[in-house]
Structure formats: structure tokens, C-alpha cells
Amino acid sequence: MKLTRKTKLVLNTGFSMLLQITTLVSGFVLPRIILGTFGSNVNGLVNSISQFLNVVTLLDLGVGAVVESALYKPLAEKDNDEISRIFASATKFFKRLAMILLAYVVVLVIVYPLTGTVRDKFDYLYTASLIVAISISTFAQYYFGIVNSLVLNADQKSFIQYSINIATIVLNTIACYVLVKSGFSIQIVKLTTSLIFLCRPLFLNFYVRKNYSINRKIKYTGEPIKQKWNGMAQHFAYYILTNTDNVVLTIFSTLANVSIYSVYNMVITGVKNALMTMTHGFKSIMGEFIVKKETERLRNFFAWVEWFIHTGTVLIFGCTGVLIVSFVRVYTKGVDDADYIQPLFAFLITLANAGHCLRMPYHNLTLAAGHYKQTQGNYIIATVLNIVISIATVKIWGLIGVAIGTLIAMFYQTFYMAWYGYKNIIQTDMKQFIKQMLIDLLTVVTATLATFKVPLLHQTYFYWAVQAVEVFAIWVIIVIAINLIFYRDRISYTLKRIKK
């Protein structure tokens, strides 16, 4: 059955929301079990290893985003030969990357267990076996599944992979819970996770083979993926944003601080991913408008996307900023080997990641237009800012120092990307952006003043939920009231589309 653009958007949005709910629940359950059973140092070790393995994603140099952009046009035109050439080139690249990952894991197994903070807490075999167990799913992603995922994203069928992700997350949560409660080691738990997640790329490979006429052995001359290397700066900056803090803390601080960071980041990442995943369908639609030169439709759609993402970010991250410390207080109750109550750090890391989400309309617009080379300088500057500030301040302020580095880099990039997108792609002035930011600020100040003293009556999940409902209700009322004053047309349009 052929799916319309609207149907794809509804399915992508619906399944992405379900995926994020599933991920949030799993993300709260499993780390708390590990934290309560194995302690802060093991929890910090697991998160540190995961972040070091994520270094390999830096090596794809943003080619994934470039591949997705390159697929928009041939998919829209049903040019199977061009799709096949792009697929073959991308597959060749990512298989090479998988071999690099394999070599990197070998080096990590040899070197990482000898790192000062790790060596002092765990023996060599314990750490090395944990690295191997965690790395299996990462290797499988690059060797089997990533190009198939890119095809589905570009064809506005992300809901296919969302559904298999939901199934594997549920299965993994149940399996890990049983294993931990049965007394199995952390290595067995993480090996089980890797083997379950191995099902994802295998299923995607099967689905794409069955539903797309792709000649995987096609011969081609020249490079079918234009700007293949110009995605480097964008991807490098994204890697720095999501991984620098953990790596800097591992090298220059303690595993206990890594564990504290991971607990707050677990909440922030869940919230951020919920918003980011919902925008994946928007990017491919904007890419289709650009390819077909439907400029007016692009401007109208982008104006709504900008308002939608800004409003969603303010509402969700605003509530998160008010509630996160009380949640961590409940979540870590009974864990006394580190001080998890860090209000200033919580405020800064929430604000930094809100900035990350505010930049999404402009970042996705740039990717949809394929303007990689044109925006490289901005990403390089943001990268340098994050690294330099985080390293310079971590010894002085610890967790707060790395949060400041992320915050400054992210807001610099948000303002630059907005300026670039309006000037070079949308080709209008920035009055709308300035108005939107002022309304965001007005909303945050008003709602924060109205809710920051809402009390947590007792340190239990029930009373935290009561506090959360009260805070969320007040924020929703204030957000709607302010937007009815300034953006009544956007609210009306959204309600009509939902009803339709």
C-alpha cells in the first residue's frame, strides 16, 4: 500500500513518541537497577565505556547525514539506479568503518583498563570483558544496519525502524532485569543487551531487501555521494556535544562524577531524544520541498516547524528544569556513595540541552538543503569552544565546568544556524526568530516563577508524580495563554491538522 506524505508524517511522529516513552521507561529502570546492585563506580564505568565506544561514530565524518540528503532526490524521482549507486558507495564506506571500529575496540581493551581512575577500582579482566560485551551491538550497527536505516529515513519511513527499536528495548529491559535480579555479572547483562540489539540491523536489512529494488552489486564511476566529506564538521560538533562531558570527566575527574553526570544526562537525553526524534520526518519533508523547488511551501512549513519545536522545547525542558533535582533525589534515594543533588549543574545542563533542541529547525534545514561545506566554520568554532572551556573549567568546577562548556557552544551554534538558514535558504529576515526567542524567554521566566516553589512532599515516586503533574499543568496553561496572544494562528492550524 502506497503511503502519502501526511500518513508517513503521522506514523513517524506517533511511533517516535512511543519509542521515546519506551526508551525513557527503560532508561530509568535499568540504570537504577545497576546503580542499586553494582554501585556508582560500576555505573560510571559502564557509562564511560559506552562514551568511549561512541568515539567511533566520529569516524563516519557525518557521511550518514550526507547519504540521507543525497537519497532525497532519487527516491522522489524513483531513480533506482542512482539509489543503488548511493547505497553501494555508502555500504562500502561503513563496512570500512566497521573494520576501524574493530581495531579501535582492540586498542580500547588493551589501554582503557590501565587508565588511572579505572585501574584503581577494577581489575584488568573485569574491565576488558565489559568493553567486549558492550561493543558487539555497536559493531553490528555499522556493519549491517546503518545504510538501511538511512534509506528508510530519507523515504520518510522511519516508523519501520522505530517499531523494531521499541520491540528490542522492551525485550532487553525484561531480560536485563531478570539477569540482574538473578545475580548475573554486569558483563553477562551487557552481553545480553548487545545480542538482543543485534536483531535490529538484521531486521532492517531484511526489510530493505524485500521492499526496495536496490542493486547492491552495481558498478559505478566517480562518487555518487556529493559533499561526502563536507559533513565532517557538523558530525564532529554533534559528537563533541554529546560525548565531550563524559570523556573529560573520565580523564580529569572521577568515576563517581561520571555516574552523577550519567544520572542527570539520562533524564536530559530522554527528553531531548523525544523532541529530536519527532523532527526526523520534518527534515525529509523539507528536503523534498527543496528538491522540488517549492519555496513558498517550504517557508510556510518551516515557520510552523520552528514554532512547534521552540514551543515544545520551552514546555518540556522548562518542566524538566523545575523537576529534575527532585526526581534525582527520589531516584538515588539510598545511594550514599556520591552526592547526586547538584542544583546548579542540573540548571546548566538542562539549559544547554534546551539550546541543542532550539537549534534543530535550523540544523535540519541546513541538512535538508545539503549545505554542509557552507556551514563548516560554525561547527568547528562550536567544537573548539566546547573542548577548551570544558577542559579549562573541569578542574575548578567539576561537573559545572563541563556544563558551562556545552552551554556556551550550543547557544553560539543556535544563533549562527538561525542566521544562516534565514539568510541563505529561507531567504527572509530574522524578525520571526527574534520574536520567537523573546516569547520563549517570556514563557520560561513566567512559568518558572509560578512553579519553582512547588514542593516535593515526600521522597517517593508517587509524590514526585504529583509534583510533576502540578508543575506540568501550570506550564501548559501559561504556554497556551502566551501563544494564544502571539501565535493564535499557529495553534489553530495545529489543531485543525490534528483533527484532520
Protein backbone atom coordinates (compact mmCIF):
# COMPACT_ATOMS: atom_id res chain seq x y z
CA MET A 1 0.00 0.00 0.00
CA LYS A 2 1.38 3.40 -1.02
CA LEU A 3 1.60 5.82 1.89
CA THR A 4 1.01 9.55 1.45
CA ARG A 5 3.38 12.20 2.81
CA LYS A 6 0.85 13.06 5.54
CA THR A 7 0.40 9.41 6.54
CA LYS A 8 4.16 8.93 6.78
CA LEU A 9 4.48 12.04 8.96
CA VAL A 10 1.71 10.80 11.29
CA LEU A 11 3.27 7.32 11.54
CA ASN A 12 6.78 8.70 12.07
CA THR A 13 5.58 11.10 14.76
CA GLY A 14 3.39 8.53 16.51
CA PHE A 15 5.99 5.77 16.57
CA SER A 16 8.74 8.21 17.56
CA MET A 17 6.70 9.31 20.57
CA LEU A 18 6.05 5.67 21.52
CA LEU A 19 9.74 4.91 21.08
CA GLN A 20 10.75 7.77 23.36
CA ILE A 21 8.27 6.71 26.04
CA THR A 22 9.66 3.18 25.85
CA THR A 23 13.24 4.47 25.93
CA LEU A 24 12.51 6.75 28.89
CA VAL A 25 10.96 3.95 30.93
CA SER A 26 13.81 1.57 30.11
CA GLY A 27 16.36 4.33 30.70
CA PHE A 28 15.01 4.90 34.21
CA VAL A 29 14.64 1.24 35.16
CA LEU A 30 17.94 -0.30 34.03
CA PRO A 31 20.44 2.32 35.30
CA ARG A 32 18.68 2.37 38.69
CA ILE A 33 18.97 -1.42 38.95
CA ILE A 34 22.66 -1.25 38.01
CA LEU A 35 23.24 1.65 40.40
CA GLY A 36 21.48 -0.08 43.29
CA THR A 37 23.03 -3.51 42.64
CA PHE A 38 26.57 -2.70 41.48
CA GLY A 39 27.13 0.84 42.88
CA SER A 40 28.15 4.25 41.47
CA ASN A 41 31.61 3.15 40.30
CA VAL A 42 30.28 0.32 38.11
CA ASN A 43 27.54 2.60 36.78
CA GLY A 44 30.18 5.21 35.99
CA LEU A 45 32.38 2.58 34.34
CA VAL A 46 29.55 1.36 32.09
CA ASN A 47 28.69 4.90 31.00
CA SER A 48 32.35 5.80 30.47
CA ILE A 49 32.97 2.73 28.26
CA SER A 50 29.82 3.48 26.26
CA GLN A 51 31.00 7.02 25.62
CA PHE A 52 34.48 5.87 24.58
CA LEU A 53 32.89 3.43 22.14
CA ASN A 54 30.80 6.29 20.78
CA VAL A 55 34.07 7.90 19.68
CA VAL A 56 33.91 5.65 16.62
CA THR A 57 30.77 7.46 15.43
CA LEU A 58 33.08 10.43 14.97
CA LEU A 59 34.86 8.49 12.24
CA ASP A 60 31.88 8.44 9.89
CA LEU A 61 32.55 12.19 9.47
CA GLY A 62 28.85 12.95 9.09
CA VAL A 63 28.62 10.83 5.97
CA GLY A 64 25.34 9.35 7.24
CA ALA A 65 23.62 12.73 7.07
CA VAL A 66 25.11 13.40 3.63
CA VAL A 67 23.93 9.99 2.37
CA GLU A 68 20.41 10.70 3.61
CA SER A 69 20.40 14.09 1.85
CA ALA A 70 21.71 12.52 -1.36
CA LEU A 71 18.85 9.99 -1.34
CA TYR A 72 16.02 12.57 -1.25
CA LYS A 73 16.04 13.31 -4.97
CA PRO A 74 16.40 9.77 -6.43
CA LEU A 75 13.75 8.47 -4.00
CA ALA A 76 11.35 11.26 -5.03
CA GLU A 77 12.06 10.50 -8.71
CA LYS A 78 12.10 6.70 -8.19
CA ASP A 79 15.55 6.52 -9.81
CA ASN A 80 16.55 3.03 -8.66
CA ASP A 81 19.93 3.11 -10.43
CA GLU A 82 21.00 6.25 -8.58
CA ILE A 83 19.64 4.88 -5.29
CA SER A 84 21.68 1.72 -5.89
CA ARG A 85 24.86 3.68 -6.61
CA ILE A 86 24.47 5.76 -3.44
CA PHE A 87 23.64 2.62 -1.43
CA ALA A 88 26.67 0.75 -2.75
CA SER A 89 29.05 3.64 -2.07
CA ALA A 90 27.68 4.15 1.46
CA THR A 91 27.80 0.42 2.25
CA LYS A 92 31.44 0.26 1.18
CA PHE A 93 32.27 3.23 3.41
CA PHE A 94 30.51 1.92 6.53
CA LYS A 95 31.99 -1.57 6.21
CA ARG A 96 35.42 0.04 6.24
CA LEU A 97 34.33 2.00 9.30
CA ALA A 98 33.29 -1.26 11.00
CA MET A 99 36.81 -2.60 10.50
CA ILE A 100 38.22 0.56 12.07
CA LEU A 101 35.82 0.07 14.97
CA LEU A 102 37.08 -3.48 15.44
CA ALA A 103 40.68 -2.25 15.60
CA TYR A 104 39.63 0.55 17.97
CA VAL A 105 37.95 -1.94 20.34
CA VAL A 106 41.17 -4.00 20.45
CA VAL A 107 43.15 -0.86 21.39
CA LEU A 108 40.50 0.10 23.95
CA VAL A 109 40.64 -3.37 25.54
CA ILE A 110 44.41 -3.02 25.92
CA VAL A 111 44.64 0.62 27.05
CA TYR A 112 41.41 1.62 28.82
CA PRO A 113 41.67 -0.80 31.80
CA LEU A 114 45.06 0.77 32.59
CA THR A 115 43.62 4.30 32.91
CA GLY A 116 44.30 5.70 36.40
CA THR A 117 40.76 6.11 37.71
CA VAL A 118 39.67 2.76 36.19
CA ARG A 119 42.76 0.77 37.24
CA ASP A 120 42.33 1.86 40.85
CA LYS A 121 38.79 0.47 41.07
CA PHE A 122 38.65 -2.63 38.83
CA ASP A 123 40.99 -5.41 37.69
CA TYR A 124 42.06 -5.68 34.06
CA LEU A 125 39.96 -8.69 33.03
CA TYR A 126 36.79 -7.24 34.59
CA THR A 127 37.03 -4.03 32.54
CA ALA A 128 38.28 -5.65 29.31
CA SER A 129 35.45 -8.20 29.21
CA LEU A 130 32.91 -5.45 29.80
CA ILE A 131 34.28 -3.48 26.83
CA VAL A 132 33.92 -6.52 24.55
CA ALA A 133 30.36 -7.19 25.74
CA ILE A 134 29.21 -3.60 25.13
CA SER A 135 30.95 -3.24 21.75
CA ILE A 136 29.13 -6.02 19.87
CA SER A 137 25.96 -4.05 19.10
CA THR A 138 27.98 -1.00 18.02
CA PHE A 139 29.93 -3.12 15.52
CA ALA A 140 26.74 -4.70 14.15
CA GLN A 141 25.16 -1.30 13.58
CA TYR A 142 27.93 -0.16 11.26
CA TYR A 143 28.49 -3.47 9.51
CA PHE A 144 24.87 -4.46 8.86
CA GLY A 145 22.32 -1.78 9.53
CA ILE A 146 23.20 1.87 9.17
CA VAL A 147 22.73 2.29 5.39
CA ASN A 148 19.35 0.55 5.53
CA SER A 149 18.32 3.00 8.26
CA LEU A 150 19.35 5.94 6.11
CA VAL A 151 17.22 4.69 3.20
CA LEU A 152 14.15 4.47 5.45
CA ASN A 153 14.79 7.93 6.95
CA ALA A 154 15.17 9.54 3.52
CA ASP A 155 12.00 7.82 2.29
CA GLN A 156 10.05 9.15 5.32
CA LYS A 157 9.61 5.60 6.68
CA SER A 158 11.44 5.98 9.97
CA PHE A 159 8.49 4.34 11.71
CA ILE A 160 9.71 0.96 10.43
CA GLN A 161 12.91 1.13 12.45
CA TYR A 162 11.16 2.81 15.37
CA SER A 163 8.88 -0.22 15.70
CA ILE A 164 11.75 -2.73 15.79
CA ASN A 165 13.60 -0.47 18.25
CA ILE A 166 10.58 -0.49 20.57
CA ALA A 167 10.40 -4.30 20.47
CA THR A 168 14.11 -4.79 21.23
CA ILE A 169 14.11 -2.19 24.04
CA VAL A 170 11.18 -3.90 25.78
CA LEU A 171 12.78 -7.33 25.38
CA ASN A 172 16.15 -6.03 26.60
CA THR A 173 14.63 -4.35 29.66
CA ILE A 174 12.87 -7.53 30.73
CA ALA A 175 15.92 -9.72 30.09
CA CYS A 176 18.35 -7.43 31.94
CA TYR A 177 16.01 -7.01 34.90
CA VAL A 178 15.76 -10.80 35.28
CA LEU A 179 19.51 -11.30 34.90
CA VAL A 180 20.45 -8.62 37.46
CA LYS A 181 17.90 -9.86 39.99
CA SER A 182 19.18 -13.42 39.41
CA GLY A 183 22.71 -12.38 40.40
CA PHE A 184 24.46 -12.45 37.00
CA SER A 185 27.53 -10.27 36.42
CA ILE A 186 27.40 -6.88 34.68
CA GLN A 187 29.33 -8.46 31.78
CA ILE A 188 26.58 -11.04 31.17
CA VAL A 189 23.93 -8.33 31.41
CA LYS A 190 25.64 -6.13 28.81
CA LEU A 191 26.42 -9.08 26.52
CA THR A 192 22.72 -9.95 26.54
CA THR A 193 21.89 -6.35 25.60
CA SER A 194 24.30 -6.49 22.65
CA LEU A 195 22.90 -9.78 21.35
CA ILE A 196 19.30 -8.53 21.57
CA PHE A 197 20.16 -5.26 19.80
CA LEU A 198 21.89 -7.29 17.08
CA CYS A 199 18.35 -8.15 15.88
CA ARG A 200 17.79 -4.52 14.81
CA PRO A 201 20.22 -4.31 11.85
CA LEU A 202 19.35 -7.84 10.73
CA PHE A 203 15.64 -6.97 10.51
CA LEU A 204 16.29 -3.67 8.70
CA ASN A 205 18.48 -5.47 6.18
CA PHE A 206 15.67 -7.96 5.52
CA TYR A 207 13.02 -5.22 5.16
CA VAL A 208 15.01 -3.05 2.72
CA ARG A 209 15.93 -6.05 0.57
CA LYS A 210 12.27 -7.02 0.33
CA ASN A 211 10.77 -3.57 -0.30
CA TYR A 212 13.34 -1.67 -2.41
CA SER A 213 14.75 -2.53 -5.83
CA ILE A 214 18.38 -1.89 -4.93
CA ASN A 215 21.20 -3.45 -6.92
CA ARG A 216 23.80 -3.94 -4.18
CA LYS A 217 26.46 -5.06 -6.64
CA ILE A 218 26.05 -2.17 -9.06
CA LYS A 219 29.23 -0.78 -10.63
CA TYR A 220 29.70 2.98 -10.61
CA THR A 221 32.29 5.52 -11.71
CA GLY A 222 33.02 8.68 -9.77
CA GLU A 223 31.50 9.40 -6.38
CA PRO A 224 27.67 9.32 -6.29
CA ILE A 225 27.54 10.90 -2.82
CA LYS A 226 28.30 14.58 -3.30
CA GLN A 227 29.88 16.52 -0.40
CA LYS A 228 30.79 13.16 1.15
CA TRP A 229 33.49 14.72 3.29
CA ASN A 230 31.85 18.07 3.96
CA GLY A 231 29.62 16.62 6.68
CA MET A 232 32.69 16.22 8.89
CA ALA A 233 32.37 19.49 10.82
CA GLN A 234 28.67 19.01 11.55
CA HIS A 235 29.13 15.47 12.78
CA PHE A 236 32.25 16.35 14.76
CA ALA A 237 30.35 19.10 16.56
CA TYR A 238 27.47 16.74 17.35
CA TYR A 239 29.91 14.21 18.74
CA ILE A 240 31.58 16.86 20.90
CA LEU A 241 28.20 17.99 22.22
CA THR A 242 27.08 14.50 23.22
CA ASN A 243 30.36 12.93 24.32
CA THR A 244 32.90 15.52 25.49
CA ASP A 245 31.49 15.88 29.00
CA ASN A 246 31.76 12.18 29.85
CA VAL A 247 35.21 11.79 28.30
CA VAL A 248 36.56 14.91 30.06
CA LEU A 249 35.15 13.74 33.40
CA THR A 250 36.68 10.27 32.93
CA ILE A 251 40.13 11.67 32.21
CA PHE A 252 40.22 14.71 34.51
CA SER A 253 37.73 13.87 37.27
CA THR A 254 36.33 10.70 38.95
CA LEU A 255 34.07 7.77 38.05
CA ALA A 256 31.69 8.98 40.77
CA ASN A 257 31.29 12.27 38.86
CA VAL A 258 30.74 10.28 35.66
CA SER A 259 27.97 8.40 37.45
CA ILE A 260 26.37 11.64 38.73
CA TYR A 261 26.56 13.11 35.23
CA SER A 262 25.04 9.96 33.73
CA VAL A 263 22.01 10.08 36.05
CA TYR A 264 21.18 13.68 35.10
CA ASN A 265 22.06 13.02 31.48
CA MET A 266 19.74 10.01 31.44
CA VAL A 267 16.79 12.32 32.13
CA ILE A 268 18.00 15.06 29.79
CA THR A 269 18.76 12.63 26.96
CA GLY A 270 15.32 11.07 27.21
CA VAL A 271 13.67 14.47 26.95
CA LYS A 272 16.00 15.65 24.18
CA ASN A 273 15.61 12.49 22.11
CA ALA A 274 11.84 12.70 22.35
CA LEU A 275 11.96 16.13 20.69
CA MET A 276 14.73 15.27 18.22
CA THR A 277 13.11 12.06 17.01
CA MET A 278 9.86 13.90 16.28
CA THR A 279 11.76 16.21 13.90
CA HIS A 280 13.20 13.45 11.68
CA GLY A 281 10.11 13.43 9.49
CA PHE A 282 10.26 17.22 9.20
CA LYS A 283 13.76 17.11 7.71
CA SER A 284 12.86 14.73 4.90
CA ILE A 285 9.75 16.79 4.04
CA MET A 286 11.84 19.99 3.87
CA GLY A 287 14.34 18.10 1.71
CA GLU A 288 11.56 17.14 -0.69
CA PHE A 289 10.29 20.76 -0.88
CA ILE A 290 13.83 21.99 -1.63
CA VAL A 291 14.43 19.35 -4.31
CA LYS A 292 11.12 20.20 -6.00
CA LYS A 293 11.78 23.97 -5.61
CA GLU A 294 8.52 24.51 -3.72
CA THR A 295 9.85 27.62 -1.98
CA GLU A 296 6.62 29.04 -0.60
CA ARG A 297 5.53 25.70 0.83
CA LEU A 298 8.99 25.36 2.38
CA ARG A 299 8.71 28.76 4.07
CA ASN A 300 5.25 28.07 5.45
CA PHE A 301 6.18 24.61 6.66
CA PHE A 302 9.44 25.82 8.21
CA ALA A 303 7.63 28.65 10.05
CA TRP A 304 5.33 26.10 11.66
CA VAL A 305 8.21 23.69 12.43
CA GLU A 306 10.19 26.50 14.08
CA TRP A 307 7.24 27.47 16.29
CA PHE A 308 6.40 23.84 17.08
CA ILE A 309 9.94 22.93 18.15
CA HIS A 310 10.52 26.13 20.13
CA THR A 311 7.21 25.78 21.95
CA GLY A 312 7.77 22.08 22.65
CA THR A 313 11.32 22.72 23.85
CA VAL A 314 10.25 25.51 26.21
CA LEU A 315 7.43 23.43 27.67
CA ILE A 316 9.32 20.13 28.09
CA PHE A 317 12.70 21.49 29.14
CA GLY A 318 11.07 24.12 31.35
CA CYS A 319 9.29 21.41 33.33
CA THR A 320 12.48 19.34 33.33
CA GLY A 321 14.49 22.20 34.81
CA VAL A 322 11.99 22.61 37.64
CA LEU A 323 11.59 18.87 38.37
CA ILE A 324 14.93 17.21 37.65
CA VAL A 325 16.61 17.68 41.04
CA SER A 326 13.61 16.36 42.96
CA PHE A 327 13.46 13.37 40.58
CA VAL A 328 17.15 12.59 41.12
CA ARG A 329 16.58 12.90 44.88
CA VAL A 330 13.93 10.17 44.67
CA TYR A 331 15.78 8.11 42.04
CA THR A 332 19.03 7.90 44.06
CA LYS A 333 17.40 7.51 47.49
CA GLY A 334 19.51 5.04 49.46
CA VAL A 335 22.62 5.52 47.26
CA ASP A 336 25.12 7.23 49.56
CA ASP A 337 28.48 6.72 47.84
CA ALA A 338 28.23 10.03 45.89
CA ASP A 339 26.40 13.37 46.20
CA TYR A 340 23.74 13.30 43.47
CA ILE A 341 21.99 16.53 44.50
CA GLN A 342 23.56 19.16 42.22
CA PRO A 343 21.07 22.02 41.57
CA LEU A 344 23.38 24.40 39.68
CA PHE A 345 24.72 21.64 37.46
CA ALA A 346 21.15 20.49 36.81
CA PHE A 347 20.12 24.00 35.74
CA LEU A 348 23.11 24.46 33.40
CA ILE A 349 22.92 21.05 31.72
CA THR A 350 19.16 21.44 31.20
CA LEU A 351 19.65 24.89 29.65
CA ALA A 352 22.49 23.63 27.43
CA ASN A 353 20.40 20.77 26.04
CA ALA A 354 17.41 23.06 25.57
CA GLY A 355 19.72 25.12 23.35
CA HIS A 356 20.54 21.96 21.44
CA CYS A 357 16.85 21.41 20.72
CA LEU A 358 16.20 25.06 19.83
CA ARG A 359 18.77 24.77 17.05
CA MET A 360 17.04 21.75 15.46
CA PRO A 361 14.82 23.63 12.96
CA TYR A 362 17.84 25.44 11.51
CA HIS A 363 20.17 22.43 11.70
CA ASN A 364 17.64 20.20 9.92
CA LEU A 365 17.00 22.91 7.32
CA THR A 366 20.73 23.03 6.56
CA LEU A 367 20.94 19.25 6.26
CA ALA A 368 17.84 19.12 4.06
CA ALA A 369 19.40 21.71 1.73
CA GLY A 370 22.75 19.89 1.71
CA HIS A 371 24.67 22.98 2.86
CA TYR A 372 27.48 21.10 4.59
CA LYS A 373 30.52 22.85 3.20
CA GLN A 374 28.97 26.31 3.68
CA THR A 375 28.45 25.83 7.44
CA GLN A 376 31.68 24.02 8.38
CA GLY A 377 33.27 27.03 10.08
CA ASN A 378 30.41 27.40 12.56
CA TYR A 379 30.66 23.78 13.66
CA ILE A 380 34.42 23.96 14.07
CA ILE A 381 34.13 27.06 16.29
CA ALA A 382 31.44 25.39 18.43
CA THR A 383 33.64 22.30 18.78
CA VAL A 384 36.68 24.30 19.91
CA LEU A 385 34.57 26.29 22.39
CA ASN A 386 33.21 23.13 23.99
CA ILE A 387 36.56 21.35 24.28
CA VAL A 388 38.59 24.32 25.52
CA ILE A 389 36.06 25.59 28.05
CA SER A 390 35.26 22.10 29.42
CA ILE A 391 38.91 21.16 29.94
CA ALA A 392 39.79 24.60 31.38
CA THR A 393 36.97 24.55 33.93
CA VAL A 394 36.56 20.89 34.92
CA LYS A 395 39.42 21.02 37.46
CA ILE A 396 37.96 24.15 39.05
CA TRP A 397 34.23 23.45 38.99
CA GLY A 398 33.95 19.76 38.06
CA LEU A 399 30.51 18.92 36.70
CA ILE A 400 29.55 22.58 36.46
CA GLY A 401 32.61 23.31 34.31
CA VAL A 402 31.74 20.79 31.60
CA ALA A 403 28.13 22.01 31.61
CA ILE A 404 29.29 25.59 31.01
CA GLY A 405 31.36 24.46 28.02
CA THR A 406 28.38 22.71 26.44
CA LEU A 407 26.06 25.65 27.18
CA ILE A 408 28.25 28.29 25.52
CA ALA A 409 28.99 26.15 22.46
CA MET A 410 25.35 25.22 21.96
CA PHE A 411 23.87 28.69 22.14
CA TYR A 412 26.57 30.07 19.83
CA GLN A 413 25.61 27.43 17.29
CA THR A 414 21.87 28.03 17.69
CA PHE A 415 22.16 31.73 16.82
CA TYR A 416 24.55 31.11 13.94
CA MET A 417 22.43 28.37 12.36
CA ALA A 418 19.30 30.53 12.61
CA TRP A 419 21.09 33.41 10.90
CA TYR A 420 22.44 31.15 8.14
CA GLY A 421 19.14 29.38 7.49
CA TYR A 422 17.10 32.55 7.27
CA LYS A 423 19.61 34.34 5.04
CA ASN A 424 20.63 31.57 2.64
CA ILE A 425 17.82 29.00 2.49
CA ILE A 426 14.56 30.60 3.60
CA GLN A 427 15.84 33.96 2.26
CA THR A 428 13.94 36.21 4.66
CA ASP A 429 15.00 38.43 7.57
CA MET A 430 15.28 37.20 11.17
CA LYS A 431 12.35 39.10 12.67
CA GLN A 432 10.44 35.88 13.23
CA PHE A 433 13.41 34.26 15.01
CA ILE A 434 13.92 37.25 17.31
CA LYS A 435 10.20 37.35 18.13
CA GLN A 436 10.21 33.60 18.85
CA MET A 437 13.21 33.84 21.19
CA LEU A 438 11.66 36.73 23.13
CA ILE A 439 8.42 34.79 23.56
CA ASP A 440 10.44 31.75 24.68
CA LEU A 441 12.16 33.90 27.32
CA LEU A 442 8.87 35.42 28.49
CA THR A 443 7.33 31.97 28.83
CA VAL A 444 10.27 30.49 30.74
CA VAL A 445 10.51 33.37 33.22
CA THR A 446 6.75 33.48 33.86
CA ALA A 447 6.29 29.71 34.26
CA THR A 448 9.45 29.23 36.34
CA LEU A 449 8.39 31.92 38.81
CA ALA A 450 5.00 30.23 39.06
CA THR A 451 6.34 26.71 39.72
CA PHE A 452 9.84 26.65 41.21
CA LYS A 453 8.44 26.53 44.78
CA VAL A 454 6.00 23.68 44.13
CA PRO A 455 7.06 21.26 46.92
CA LEU A 456 8.04 17.60 46.85
CA LEU A 457 6.09 16.43 49.91
CA HIS A 458 7.86 13.07 50.35
CA GLN A 459 10.76 11.34 48.62
CA THR A 460 8.69 8.75 46.75
CA TYR A 461 7.81 8.31 43.08
CA PHE A 462 4.13 8.84 43.85
CA TYR A 463 4.66 12.25 45.42
CA TRP A 464 7.14 13.19 42.70
CA ALA A 465 4.47 12.31 40.12
CA VAL A 466 2.00 14.54 41.99
CA GLN A 467 4.54 17.38 41.91
CA ALA A 468 5.22 16.74 38.20
CA VAL A 469 1.52 16.83 37.27
CA GLU A 470 1.06 20.11 39.13
CA VAL A 471 4.13 21.70 37.53
CA PHE A 472 3.25 20.44 34.06
CA ALA A 473 -0.34 21.67 34.30
CA ILE A 474 0.79 25.17 35.27
CA TRP A 475 3.36 25.27 32.46
CA VAL A 476 0.79 24.07 29.88
CA ILE A 477 -1.67 26.79 30.92
CA ILE A 478 1.00 29.51 30.73
CA VAL A 479 2.40 28.25 27.39
CA ILE A 480 -1.07 28.11 25.82
CA ALA A 481 -2.05 31.53 27.20
CA ILE A 482 1.08 33.25 25.88
CA ASN A 483 0.85 31.52 22.49
CA LEU A 484 -2.84 32.42 22.16
CA ILE A 485 -1.73 36.04 22.42
CA PHE A 486 1.17 35.87 19.97
CA TYR A 487 0.61 32.75 17.82
CA ARG A 488 -3.13 32.11 17.73
CA ASP A 489 -2.89 31.20 14.01
CA ARG A 490 -0.24 28.50 14.67
CA ILE A 491 -2.33 26.91 17.42
CA SER A 492 -5.42 26.98 15.21
CA TYR A 493 -3.50 25.42 12.29
CA THR A 494 -2.07 22.69 14.54
CA LEU A 495 -5.49 21.78 15.99
CA LYS A 496 -7.00 21.61 12.51
CA ARG A 497 -4.23 19.29 11.28
CA ILE A 498 -4.61 17.04 14.33
CA LYS A 499 -8.38 16.90 13.83
CA LYS A 500 -7.94 16.18 10.11
